[in-house]
Amino acid sequence: MSFKEDRSGSAAAVRRGDRQRDPDRREKPRRQSTETRGADREREDPRREERDEELIVGRNAATEALRSGRPLHVLYVKKGEKTGPLLPIIAACRERGIPVKEADGKKLDFMCGHQNHQGVILIAAVKDYATVEEMFAAAAEKGEAPFFVICDGVEDPHNLGAIIRSAEAGGAHGVIVPERRSAGLSGIVGKTSAGALEYLPVARVTNLTQTIRDLQQRGVWVYAADMDGQSYLETDFSGPVAVVIGSEGSGVSRLVRETADAVVSIPMKGQINSLNASVAAGILIFRIAGARA
């Protein structure tokens, strides 16, 4: 059972149950989905995500791109060269919240087709990130209770794009992603979102757990989608709400799960005991949309 009152009330309770190990974390290749295997390959070889993306190659080009204020996804620098001429570029990226990743020279060569990269490659983003405050403003403008989707470690850009598409179609006011362990707003994400990225704000935050606490302070109930939780069919999703979708391989992180107000699960009827992250997100998003109708 579960019940909740407004956060200004005196009582709130959720049935969370004993923590159990997520079966998805067991190494069972025969049960691993095609989508999850694809996500694993993305993490093993970050070059795959950057194919067909707009690359900004070399120190001068990177400096001018940063100066122009255009949307940028991530900076790659050659291992061992975070010094000298690259320091101003790295500092400018960190000031703007653009992730900085190290890569060996051969990887950089491959990414840019053996151009003279001078140890630095920027990946352009298809859209600027919004802020969580702007998402609250969007909800207020529509006269609706806030509804957010939080992605905890969704690194596959195809999954992130599909989640953004479902979130926009389901009436969410924004998607929140962490600065680390997340796909960015690359061309693949934009294409997979089928245009939804043009209408739905996406915020990138430094500390996901702290962001969840901030949402809770503002009256938002946060539900983590994970194993061994209360059935989503028996959960009250009315009012201000955020749903957390975990990573393709390991699900919702421990701290995020512990910080959430409740854990909800999608009951499985067949032999397969898990869903692709974007599919699970779609089911929960439209369940929440139905509760708000």
Foldseek 3Di string as FASTA:
>chain_A
DFDDDFPVDDDGDFDADDDDAAPLQDPDVVQADPVLVVLVVCVVQVLVVLPPFDKQAALVSLVVVLVVVAAFAAKEFEPPPCDDSCVVSVVSCVVVLHYYHYDHPVSVCVSVVNDPRVGMMTTGAPDHADAVVVLVVQCVVVVHFAEEEEEALAADLLLLLLLLLLLLVLPHSAYEYESPNYGTRTPNSCVSVVNSPVPHHYHYYHDPLVVLVVVVVVREAEEEEGPRWAALVPDQLDGHYYYYFYYQRRTHDPSNCVSGSTYYYHDDDDPRDDDGRSVVSNVNSNSSSVSHD
